[in-house]
Amino acid sequence: MQRLVETARGLLQRWRSRPAADWLLTAVALCGHGLLVALTGRGDIFGAPDREQRLEIYTTGATVVALVGSFVTAAISQYAAATGRRMHTLRTAGHLASQFRRNWVSILSATLLISGVCLLATVLDTTEADPGGVHWIVEAVLLLGVARSYRLLWLFDAVIKATDRDLADSPERQQLRT
């Protein structure tokens, strides 16, 4: 069991350091879902509703992702404003700093892409049955959003932990303890 946990942690760490892997996960999930729909004729989550409902899904998706984008910018501000030894290390330690920057950029760019695709889908989905498959593109970007949301949570957690530890180690805090 311990070995399985270590393997899972190693895979998770490698995934975190490669934001491009989210595209592969998205493709696998979308292809798997598409195959399921093709084989069973059921489960087309965004294709089953009528056009009006799909348009509501698209606009809601764009709105939610835009709100998440504001959290991303707040998180980046928190990251940039935080001080202390650990935060300095997060920003300057070769691979770690590069990993953080790649993740921040991947999350922010995904929010822009998802919002744009959802809004574009409202224009392109013009028929009741969506024969062009616009809803599949929306499903793809929403799946990408799920993967990027995990990255956002991970980054928030890492920044908060580092900031809290730096605060606990601050000279003012040390004086309060004595």
N, C-alpha and C. Protein backbone atom coordinates (compact mmCIF):
# COMPACT_ATOMS: atom_id res chain seq x y z
N MET A 1 0.82 -1.19 0.00
CA MET A 1 0.00 0.00 0.00
C MET A 1 0.87 1.26 0.00
N GLN A 2 1.93 1.25 0.79
CA GLN A 2 2.84 2.39 0.87
C GLN A 2 3.45 2.68 -0.50
N ARG A 3 3.80 1.63 -1.22
CA ARG A 3 4.40 1.80 -2.54
C ARG A 3 3.41 2.43 -3.53
N LEU A 4 2.16 2.02 -3.44
CA LEU A 4 1.11 2.58 -4.29
C LEU A 4 0.94 4.08 -4.02
N VAL A 5 0.95 4.45 -2.74
CA VAL A 5 0.82 5.85 -2.36
C VAL A 5 2.01 6.66 -2.90
N GLU A 6 3.21 6.11 -2.77
CA GLU A 6 4.40 6.79 -3.27
C GLU A 6 4.35 6.94 -4.79
N THR A 7 3.89 5.92 -5.48
CA THR A 7 3.75 5.98 -6.93
C THR A 7 2.74 7.05 -7.34
N ALA A 8 1.62 7.08 -6.63
CA ALA A 8 0.59 8.09 -6.92
C ALA A 8 1.14 9.50 -6.68
N ARG A 9 1.86 9.69 -5.60
CA ARG A 9 2.45 11.00 -5.32
C ARG A 9 3.44 11.40 -6.40
N GLY A 10 4.24 10.45 -6.85
CA GLY A 10 5.21 10.73 -7.91
C GLY A 10 4.54 11.12 -9.22
N LEU A 11 3.47 10.41 -9.57
CA LEU A 11 2.72 10.74 -10.78
C LEU A 11 2.08 12.12 -10.66
N LEU A 12 1.52 12.40 -9.51
CA LEU A 12 0.89 13.70 -9.28
C LEU A 12 1.92 14.82 -9.38
N GLN A 13 3.09 14.62 -8.81
CA GLN A 13 4.15 15.63 -8.88
C GLN A 13 4.60 15.85 -10.32
N ARG A 14 4.76 14.77 -11.08
CA ARG A 14 5.15 14.93 -12.49
C ARG A 14 4.06 15.65 -13.28
N TRP A 15 2.80 15.35 -12.97
CA TRP A 15 1.69 16.01 -13.66
C TRP A 15 1.69 17.51 -13.33
N ARG A 16 1.90 17.85 -12.07
CA ARG A 16 1.93 19.26 -11.65
C ARG A 16 3.01 20.04 -12.37
N SER A 17 4.11 19.40 -12.66
CA SER A 17 5.21 20.12 -13.30
C SER A 17 5.05 20.21 -14.81
N ARG A 18 3.98 19.63 -15.35
CA ARG A 18 3.75 19.66 -16.80
C ARG A 18 2.31 20.06 -17.12
N PRO A 19 2.04 21.35 -17.16
CA PRO A 19 0.68 21.80 -17.47
C PRO A 19 0.17 21.31 -18.82
N ALA A 20 1.05 21.05 -19.76
CA ALA A 20 0.63 20.55 -21.07
C ALA A 20 -0.05 19.18 -20.97
N ALA A 21 0.22 18.47 -19.90
CA ALA A 21 -0.41 17.15 -19.71
C ALA A 21 -1.93 17.27 -19.58
N ASP A 22 -2.41 18.44 -19.20
CA ASP A 22 -3.86 18.64 -19.09
C ASP A 22 -4.54 18.45 -20.44
N TRP A 23 -3.85 18.82 -21.52
CA TRP A 23 -4.42 18.64 -22.85
C TRP A 23 -4.58 17.16 -23.16
N LEU A 24 -3.61 16.35 -22.77
CA LEU A 24 -3.70 14.91 -22.98
C LEU A 24 -4.84 14.32 -22.15
N LEU A 25 -4.94 14.71 -20.89
CA LEU A 25 -6.04 14.23 -20.05
C LEU A 25 -7.39 14.62 -20.63
N THR A 26 -7.48 15.85 -21.14
CA THR A 26 -8.72 16.32 -21.76
C THR A 26 -9.06 15.47 -22.98
N ALA A 27 -8.08 15.22 -23.82
CA ALA A 27 -8.31 14.42 -25.03
C ALA A 27 -8.75 13.00 -24.69
N VAL A 28 -8.11 12.40 -23.71
CA VAL A 28 -8.47 11.03 -23.30
C VAL A 28 -9.90 10.99 -22.77
N ALA A 29 -10.23 11.94 -21.88
CA ALA A 29 -11.59 11.97 -21.32
C ALA A 29 -12.63 12.23 -22.39
N LEU A 30 -12.35 13.17 -23.29
CA LEU A 30 -13.31 13.50 -24.34
C LEU A 30 -13.48 12.34 -25.31
N CYS A 31 -12.40 11.71 -25.71
CA CYS A 31 -12.49 10.56 -26.61
C CYS A 31 -13.23 9.40 -25.95
N GLY A 32 -12.94 9.17 -24.69
CA GLY A 32 -13.65 8.11 -23.96
C GLY A 32 -15.14 8.38 -23.89
N HIS A 33 -15.50 9.63 -23.61
CA HIS A 33 -16.91 9.98 -23.55
C HIS A 33 -17.56 9.88 -24.93
N GLY A 34 -16.84 10.35 -25.96
CA GLY A 34 -17.35 10.26 -27.33
C GLY A 34 -17.56 8.82 -27.76
N LEU A 35 -16.64 7.96 -27.40
CA LEU A 35 -16.77 6.53 -27.72
C LEU A 35 -17.96 5.92 -27.00
N LEU A 36 -18.14 6.27 -25.76
CA LEU A 36 -19.29 5.78 -25.00
C LEU A 36 -20.60 6.21 -25.66
N VAL A 37 -20.67 7.46 -26.06
CA VAL A 37 -21.88 7.97 -26.73
C VAL A 37 -22.10 7.26 -28.06
N ALA A 38 -21.01 7.07 -28.82
CA ALA A 38 -21.14 6.41 -30.12
C ALA A 38 -21.58 4.95 -29.99
N LEU A 39 -21.08 4.27 -28.97
CA LEU A 39 -21.41 2.85 -28.79
C LEU A 39 -22.80 2.64 -28.20
N THR A 40 -23.20 3.49 -27.28
CA THR A 40 -24.46 3.27 -26.57
C THR A 40 -25.60 4.18 -27.05
N GLY A 41 -25.23 5.28 -27.71
CA GLY A 41 -26.26 6.24 -28.11
C GLY A 41 -26.82 7.04 -26.95
N ARG A 42 -26.17 6.94 -25.81
CA ARG A 42 -26.62 7.65 -24.59
C ARG A 42 -25.46 8.40 -23.97
N GLY A 43 -25.82 9.35 -23.11
CA GLY A 43 -24.81 10.03 -22.31
C GLY A 43 -24.22 11.27 -22.95
N ASP A 44 -24.80 11.76 -24.05
CA ASP A 44 -24.29 12.98 -24.67
C ASP A 44 -24.79 14.16 -23.83
N ILE A 45 -24.03 14.50 -22.83
CA ILE A 45 -24.43 15.46 -21.80
C ILE A 45 -24.86 16.80 -22.37
N PHE A 46 -24.07 17.36 -23.27
CA PHE A 46 -24.38 18.68 -23.82
C PHE A 46 -25.16 18.59 -25.13
N GLY A 47 -25.23 17.42 -25.73
CA GLY A 47 -25.98 17.26 -26.97
C GLY A 47 -27.45 16.95 -26.74
N ALA A 48 -27.78 16.40 -25.60
CA ALA A 48 -29.17 16.02 -25.31
C ALA A 48 -30.10 17.21 -25.10
N PRO A 49 -29.67 18.25 -24.40
CA PRO A 49 -30.58 19.40 -24.20
C PRO A 49 -30.90 20.10 -25.53
N ASP A 50 -31.99 20.84 -25.54
CA ASP A 50 -32.32 21.60 -26.74
C ASP A 50 -31.39 22.81 -26.87
N ARG A 51 -31.49 23.51 -27.97
CA ARG A 51 -30.57 24.61 -28.27
C ARG A 51 -30.57 25.67 -27.18
N GLU A 52 -31.74 26.06 -26.70
CA GLU A 52 -31.81 27.11 -25.67
C GLU A 52 -31.07 26.69 -24.41
N GLN A 53 -31.21 25.44 -24.01
CA GLN A 53 -30.50 24.96 -22.82
C GLN A 53 -28.99 24.94 -23.07
N ARG A 54 -28.59 24.53 -24.27
CA ARG A 54 -27.15 24.53 -24.57
C ARG A 54 -26.59 25.95 -24.51
N LEU A 55 -27.34 26.91 -25.05
CA LEU A 55 -26.87 28.30 -25.00
C LEU A 55 -26.72 28.78 -23.56
N GLU A 56 -27.63 28.35 -22.70
CA GLU A 56 -27.52 28.70 -21.28
C GLU A 56 -26.27 28.07 -20.66
N ILE A 57 -26.00 26.84 -21.05
CA ILE A 57 -24.79 26.16 -20.56
C ILE A 57 -23.55 26.92 -21.01
N TYR A 58 -23.52 27.33 -22.27
CA TYR A 58 -22.36 28.04 -22.80
C TYR A 58 -22.15 29.37 -22.08
N THR A 59 -23.21 30.13 -21.91
CA THR A 59 -23.06 31.44 -21.26
C THR A 59 -22.73 31.29 -19.77
N THR A 60 -23.32 30.30 -19.14
CA THR A 60 -22.99 30.04 -17.73
C THR A 60 -21.54 29.62 -17.60
N GLY A 61 -21.09 28.76 -18.51
CA GLY A 61 -19.68 28.34 -18.50
C GLY A 61 -18.75 29.52 -18.65
N ALA A 62 -19.05 30.41 -19.59
CA ALA A 62 -18.21 31.59 -19.80
C ALA A 62 -18.20 32.48 -18.56
N THR A 63 -19.36 32.63 -17.93
CA THR A 63 -19.45 33.47 -16.74
C THR A 63 -18.67 32.89 -15.57
N VAL A 64 -18.86 31.61 -15.32
CA VAL A 64 -18.16 30.96 -14.20
C VAL A 64 -16.66 31.02 -14.41
N VAL A 65 -16.21 30.74 -15.61
CA VAL A 65 -14.77 30.76 -15.87
C VAL A 65 -14.22 32.17 -15.75
N ALA A 66 -14.98 33.17 -16.16
CA ALA A 66 -14.53 34.56 -15.98
C ALA A 66 -14.39 34.89 -14.49
N LEU A 67 -15.31 34.40 -13.68
CA LEU A 67 -15.19 34.61 -12.22
C LEU A 67 -13.96 33.90 -11.67
N VAL A 68 -13.72 32.70 -12.13
CA VAL A 68 -12.53 31.97 -11.69
C VAL A 68 -11.27 32.73 -12.11
N GLY A 69 -11.33 33.34 -13.31
CA GLY A 69 -10.21 34.16 -13.77
C GLY A 69 -9.87 35.27 -12.80
N SER A 70 -10.90 35.84 -12.17
CA SER A 70 -10.62 36.88 -11.18
C SER A 70 -9.93 36.30 -9.95
N PHE A 71 -10.27 35.08 -9.58
CA PHE A 71 -9.57 34.41 -8.47
C PHE A 71 -8.11 34.15 -8.86
N VAL A 72 -7.90 33.81 -10.11
CA VAL A 72 -6.54 33.56 -10.58
C VAL A 72 -5.70 34.83 -10.45
N THR A 73 -6.24 35.94 -10.87
CA THR A 73 -5.47 37.19 -10.75
C THR A 73 -5.24 37.56 -9.29
N ALA A 74 -6.22 37.28 -8.43
CA ALA A 74 -6.02 37.52 -6.99
C ALA A 74 -4.92 36.61 -6.45
N ALA A 75 -4.91 35.38 -6.89
CA ALA A 75 -3.88 34.45 -6.43
C ALA A 75 -2.50 34.88 -6.90
N ILE A 76 -2.41 35.34 -8.14
CA ILE A 76 -1.13 35.80 -8.66
C ILE A 76 -0.66 37.04 -7.87
N SER A 77 -1.58 37.91 -7.53
CA SER A 77 -1.24 39.08 -6.72
C SER A 77 -0.73 38.66 -5.35
N GLN A 78 -1.40 37.69 -4.75
CA GLN A 78 -0.96 37.19 -3.44
C GLN A 78 0.44 36.60 -3.55
N TYR A 79 0.67 35.84 -4.60
CA TYR A 79 1.97 35.22 -4.84
C TYR A 79 3.04 36.30 -5.00
N ALA A 80 2.73 37.33 -5.78
CA ALA A 80 3.71 38.38 -6.06
C ALA A 80 3.98 39.25 -4.83
N ALA A 81 2.98 39.45 -3.99
CA ALA A 81 3.14 40.35 -2.84
C ALA A 81 3.73 39.66 -1.61
N ALA A 82 3.65 38.37 -1.55
CA ALA A 82 4.12 37.65 -0.37
C ALA A 82 5.64 37.75 -0.25
N THR A 83 6.09 37.86 1.00
CA THR A 83 7.52 37.95 1.26
C THR A 83 7.92 36.85 2.22
N GLY A 84 9.18 36.69 2.39
CA GLY A 84 9.69 35.68 3.31
C GLY A 84 10.61 34.71 2.59
N ARG A 85 11.33 33.94 3.38
CA ARG A 85 12.32 33.01 2.85
C ARG A 85 11.71 31.98 1.91
N ARG A 86 10.62 31.36 2.32
CA ARG A 86 10.01 30.33 1.49
C ARG A 86 9.44 30.90 0.19
N MET A 87 8.80 32.06 0.28
CA MET A 87 8.27 32.69 -0.93
C MET A 87 9.40 33.09 -1.87
N HIS A 88 10.50 33.56 -1.30
CA HIS A 88 11.67 33.89 -2.12
C HIS A 88 12.15 32.64 -2.86
N THR A 89 12.18 31.52 -2.15
CA THR A 89 12.60 30.27 -2.76
C THR A 89 11.63 29.84 -3.87
N LEU A 90 10.32 29.97 -3.61
CA LEU A 90 9.33 29.61 -4.63
C LEU A 90 9.53 30.42 -5.92
N ARG A 91 9.93 31.68 -5.76
CA ARG A 91 10.06 32.55 -6.93
C ARG A 91 11.41 32.43 -7.64
N THR A 92 12.43 31.96 -6.94
CA THR A 92 13.78 32.00 -7.52
C THR A 92 14.44 30.65 -7.72
N ALA A 93 13.96 29.59 -7.09
CA ALA A 93 14.60 28.28 -7.20
C ALA A 93 14.31 27.68 -8.58
N GLY A 94 15.30 27.68 -9.44
CA GLY A 94 15.26 27.19 -10.80
C GLY A 94 14.01 26.46 -11.25
N HIS A 95 13.99 25.16 -11.06
CA HIS A 95 12.89 24.33 -11.55
C HIS A 95 11.57 24.67 -10.86
N LEU A 96 11.61 24.89 -9.57
CA LEU A 96 10.39 25.19 -8.82
C LEU A 96 9.75 26.50 -9.29
N ALA A 97 10.56 27.54 -9.44
CA ALA A 97 10.04 28.83 -9.91
C ALA A 97 9.47 28.70 -11.31
N SER A 98 10.16 27.99 -12.16
CA SER A 98 9.69 27.78 -13.53
C SER A 98 8.37 27.01 -13.53
N GLN A 99 8.27 26.01 -12.67
CA GLN A 99 7.04 25.21 -12.56
C GLN A 99 5.88 26.09 -12.10
N PHE A 100 6.12 26.94 -11.13
CA PHE A 100 5.05 27.83 -10.66
C PHE A 100 4.60 28.78 -11.77
N ARG A 101 5.56 29.38 -12.46
CA ARG A 101 5.20 30.32 -13.54
C ARG A 101 4.42 29.61 -14.65
N ARG A 102 4.87 28.45 -15.05
CA ARG A 102 4.16 27.70 -16.10
C ARG A 102 2.73 27.39 -15.67
N ASN A 103 2.55 27.02 -14.42
CA ASN A 103 1.21 26.70 -13.93
C ASN A 103 0.33 27.95 -13.89
N TRP A 104 0.87 29.06 -13.39
CA TRP A 104 0.07 30.29 -13.35
C TRP A 104 -0.37 30.69 -14.75
N VAL A 105 0.57 30.68 -15.69
CA VAL A 105 0.25 31.07 -17.07
C VAL A 105 -0.73 30.09 -17.69
N SER A 106 -0.57 28.80 -17.44
CA SER A 106 -1.49 27.81 -18.02
C SER A 106 -2.90 28.00 -17.50
N ILE A 107 -3.02 28.33 -16.24
CA ILE A 107 -4.36 28.53 -15.66
C ILE A 107 -5.00 29.80 -16.21
N LEU A 108 -4.24 30.87 -16.25
CA LEU A 108 -4.78 32.13 -16.75
C LEU A 108 -5.14 32.02 -18.24
N SER A 109 -4.28 31.39 -19.03
CA SER A 109 -4.58 31.25 -20.45
C SER A 109 -5.78 30.33 -20.67
N ALA A 110 -5.94 29.31 -19.83
CA ALA A 110 -7.10 28.42 -19.96
C ALA A 110 -8.40 29.16 -19.67
N THR A 111 -8.38 30.06 -18.69
CA THR A 111 -9.61 30.80 -18.40
C THR A 111 -10.02 31.66 -19.60
N LEU A 112 -9.05 32.26 -20.25
CA LEU A 112 -9.35 33.05 -21.45
C LEU A 112 -9.87 32.17 -22.58
N LEU A 113 -9.22 31.05 -22.79
CA LEU A 113 -9.63 30.12 -23.86
C LEU A 113 -11.04 29.59 -23.61
N ILE A 114 -11.31 29.15 -22.41
CA ILE A 114 -12.61 28.56 -22.09
C ILE A 114 -13.72 29.59 -22.25
N SER A 115 -13.51 30.78 -21.71
CA SER A 115 -14.52 31.83 -21.86
C SER A 115 -14.75 32.15 -23.32
N GLY A 116 -13.69 32.28 -24.08
CA GLY A 116 -13.81 32.59 -25.50
C GLY A 116 -14.54 31.51 -26.28
N VAL A 117 -14.21 30.25 -26.02
CA VAL A 117 -14.87 29.14 -26.72
C VAL A 117 -16.35 29.08 -26.34
N CYS A 118 -16.66 29.26 -25.08
CA CYS A 118 -18.07 29.22 -24.65
C CYS A 118 -18.86 30.35 -25.31
N LEU A 119 -18.28 31.53 -25.38
CA LEU A 119 -18.98 32.64 -26.02
C LEU A 119 -19.09 32.42 -27.53
N LEU A 120 -18.05 31.90 -28.14
CA LEU A 120 -18.09 31.60 -29.57
C LEU A 120 -19.14 30.52 -29.87
N ALA A 121 -19.29 29.57 -28.96
CA ALA A 121 -20.28 28.51 -29.16
C ALA A 121 -21.70 29.06 -29.22
N THR A 122 -21.96 30.14 -28.50
CA THR A 122 -23.31 30.73 -28.56
C THR A 122 -23.61 31.25 -29.96
N VAL A 123 -22.59 31.61 -30.71
CA VAL A 123 -22.78 32.08 -32.08
C VAL A 123 -22.84 30.92 -33.06
N LEU A 124 -22.02 29.91 -32.83
CA LEU A 124 -21.90 28.81 -33.79
C LEU A 124 -23.00 27.75 -33.66
N ASP A 125 -23.56 27.58 -32.48
CA ASP A 125 -24.60 26.56 -32.27
C ASP A 125 -25.94 27.16 -32.70
N THR A 126 -26.29 26.96 -33.97
CA THR A 126 -27.45 27.64 -34.55
C THR A 126 -28.65 26.75 -34.80
N THR A 127 -28.50 25.45 -34.63
CA THR A 127 -29.61 24.55 -34.92
C THR A 127 -30.02 23.78 -33.67
N GLU A 128 -31.20 23.21 -33.73
CA GLU A 128 -31.72 22.48 -32.57
C GLU A 128 -30.87 21.26 -32.23
N ALA A 129 -30.35 20.57 -33.23
CA ALA A 129 -29.62 19.32 -32.99
C ALA A 129 -28.10 19.48 -32.94
N ASP A 130 -27.57 20.64 -33.24
CA ASP A 130 -26.13 20.89 -33.25
C ASP A 130 -25.37 19.85 -34.07
N PRO A 131 -25.65 19.74 -35.38
CA PRO A 131 -24.97 18.75 -36.21
C PRO A 131 -23.48 19.02 -36.38
N GLY A 132 -23.06 20.28 -36.15
CA GLY A 132 -21.64 20.62 -36.28
C GLY A 132 -20.81 20.18 -35.09
N GLY A 133 -21.45 19.79 -34.01
CA GLY A 133 -20.73 19.30 -32.84
C GLY A 133 -20.10 20.37 -31.98
N VAL A 134 -20.65 21.57 -32.01
CA VAL A 134 -20.10 22.66 -31.20
C VAL A 134 -20.08 22.28 -29.71
N HIS A 135 -21.10 21.55 -29.29
CA HIS A 135 -21.16 21.19 -27.87
C HIS A 135 -19.99 20.29 -27.45
N TRP A 136 -19.40 19.55 -28.38
CA TRP A 136 -18.24 18.72 -28.05
C TRP A 136 -17.01 19.60 -27.79
N ILE A 137 -16.89 20.69 -28.51
CA ILE A 137 -15.78 21.61 -28.28
C ILE A 137 -15.91 22.25 -26.90
N VAL A 138 -17.15 22.62 -26.56
CA VAL A 138 -17.39 23.19 -25.23
C VAL A 138 -17.07 22.16 -24.16
N GLU A 139 -17.49 20.93 -24.38
CA GLU A 139 -17.17 19.88 -23.40
C GLU A 139 -15.66 19.74 -23.24
N ALA A 140 -14.93 19.81 -24.33
CA ALA A 140 -13.46 19.69 -24.26
C ALA A 140 -12.86 20.80 -23.40
N VAL A 141 -13.26 22.04 -23.65
CA VAL A 141 -12.64 23.13 -22.88
C VAL A 141 -13.08 23.11 -21.42
N LEU A 142 -14.30 22.63 -21.16
CA LEU A 142 -14.73 22.52 -19.76
C LEU A 142 -13.95 21.42 -19.04
N LEU A 143 -13.63 20.33 -19.75
CA LEU A 143 -12.78 19.29 -19.15
C LEU A 143 -11.38 19.86 -18.87
N LEU A 144 -10.86 20.65 -19.79
CA LEU A 144 -9.58 21.31 -19.56
C LEU A 144 -9.68 22.19 -18.31
N GLY A 145 -10.80 22.87 -18.17
CA GLY A 145 -11.02 23.72 -17.00
C GLY A 145 -11.00 22.96 -15.70
N VAL A 146 -11.51 21.74 -15.72
CA VAL A 146 -11.49 20.92 -14.51
C VAL A 146 -10.04 20.62 -14.11
N ALA A 147 -9.23 20.23 -15.08
CA ALA A 147 -7.82 19.93 -14.78
C ALA A 147 -7.10 21.18 -14.29
N ARG A 148 -7.35 22.31 -14.93
CA ARG A 148 -6.68 23.55 -14.53
C ARG A 148 -7.19 24.04 -13.18
N SER A 149 -8.42 23.71 -12.83
CA SER A 149 -8.93 24.08 -11.51
C SER A 149 -8.15 23.38 -10.41
N TYR A 150 -7.79 22.13 -10.63
CA TYR A 150 -6.98 21.43 -9.64
C TYR A 150 -5.63 22.14 -9.50
N ARG A 151 -5.05 22.54 -10.60
CA ARG A 151 -3.78 23.27 -10.54
C ARG A 151 -3.91 24.54 -9.72
N LEU A 152 -5.02 25.25 -9.93
CA LEU A 152 -5.25 26.49 -9.19
C LEU A 152 -5.33 26.21 -7.70
N LEU A 153 -6.06 25.18 -7.31
CA LEU A 153 -6.14 24.83 -5.89
C LEU A 153 -4.78 24.47 -5.33
N TRP A 154 -4.02 23.71 -6.08
CA TRP A 154 -2.68 23.32 -5.64
C TRP A 154 -1.79 24.55 -5.45
N LEU A 155 -1.83 25.49 -6.41
CA LEU A 155 -1.01 26.69 -6.30
C LEU A 155 -1.44 27.56 -5.12
N PHE A 156 -2.75 27.74 -4.96
CA PHE A 156 -3.26 28.49 -3.80
C PHE A 156 -2.74 27.86 -2.51
N ASP A 157 -2.86 26.56 -2.40
CA ASP A 157 -2.43 25.85 -1.19
C ASP A 157 -0.93 26.04 -0.95
N ALA A 158 -0.13 25.90 -1.99
CA ALA A 158 1.32 26.04 -1.84
C ALA A 158 1.69 27.45 -1.39
N VAL A 159 1.07 28.45 -1.99
CA VAL A 159 1.38 29.84 -1.63
C VAL A 159 0.93 30.14 -0.20
N ILE A 160 -0.26 29.69 0.16
CA ILE A 160 -0.76 29.93 1.51
C ILE A 160 0.11 29.25 2.55
N LYS A 161 0.49 28.00 2.30
CA LYS A 161 1.36 27.30 3.25
C LYS A 161 2.71 27.99 3.40
N ALA A 162 3.30 28.37 2.28
CA ALA A 162 4.61 29.04 2.35
C ALA A 162 4.50 30.38 3.07
N THR A 163 3.46 31.13 2.77
CA THR A 163 3.26 32.42 3.43
C THR A 163 3.04 32.24 4.93
N ASP A 164 2.21 31.28 5.31
CA ASP A 164 1.95 31.03 6.72
C ASP A 164 3.22 30.59 7.46
N ARG A 165 4.01 29.73 6.83
CA ARG A 165 5.25 29.29 7.48
C ARG A 165 6.24 30.45 7.62
N ASP A 166 6.31 31.29 6.57
CA ASP A 166 7.19 32.47 6.66
C ASP A 166 6.73 33.40 7.77
N LEU A 167 5.43 33.59 7.89
CA LEU A 167 4.89 34.45 8.95
C LEU A 167 5.21 33.86 10.32
N ALA A 168 5.08 32.55 10.46
CA ALA A 168 5.37 31.90 11.74
C ALA A 168 6.84 32.03 12.10
N ASP A 169 7.71 32.13 11.10
CA ASP A 169 9.14 32.25 11.35
C ASP A 169 9.61 33.70 11.49
N SER A 170 8.71 34.67 11.31
CA SER A 170 9.11 36.07 11.31
C SER A 170 9.64 36.47 12.69
N PRO A 171 10.54 37.46 12.74
CA PRO A 171 11.11 37.91 14.02
C PRO A 171 10.03 38.41 14.99
N GLU A 172 9.02 39.10 14.46
CA GLU A 172 7.95 39.59 15.33
C GLU A 172 7.22 38.43 16.01
N ARG A 173 6.99 37.40 15.25
CA ARG A 173 6.29 36.22 15.79
C ARG A 173 7.17 35.51 16.81
N GLN A 174 8.48 35.46 16.55
CA GLN A 174 9.39 34.83 17.50
C GLN A 174 9.42 35.58 18.82
N GLN A 175 9.32 36.92 18.78
CA GLN A 175 9.32 37.73 20.00
C GLN A 175 8.05 37.48 20.81
N LEU A 176 6.93 37.27 20.12
CA LEU A 176 5.66 37.00 20.83
C LEU A 176 5.73 35.68 21.58
N ARG A 177 6.48 34.74 21.08
CA ARG A 177 6.57 33.42 21.72
C ARG A 177 7.39 33.47 23.01
N THR A 178 8.33 34.42 23.10
CA THR A 178 9.20 34.47 24.28
C THR A 178 8.66 35.31 25.38
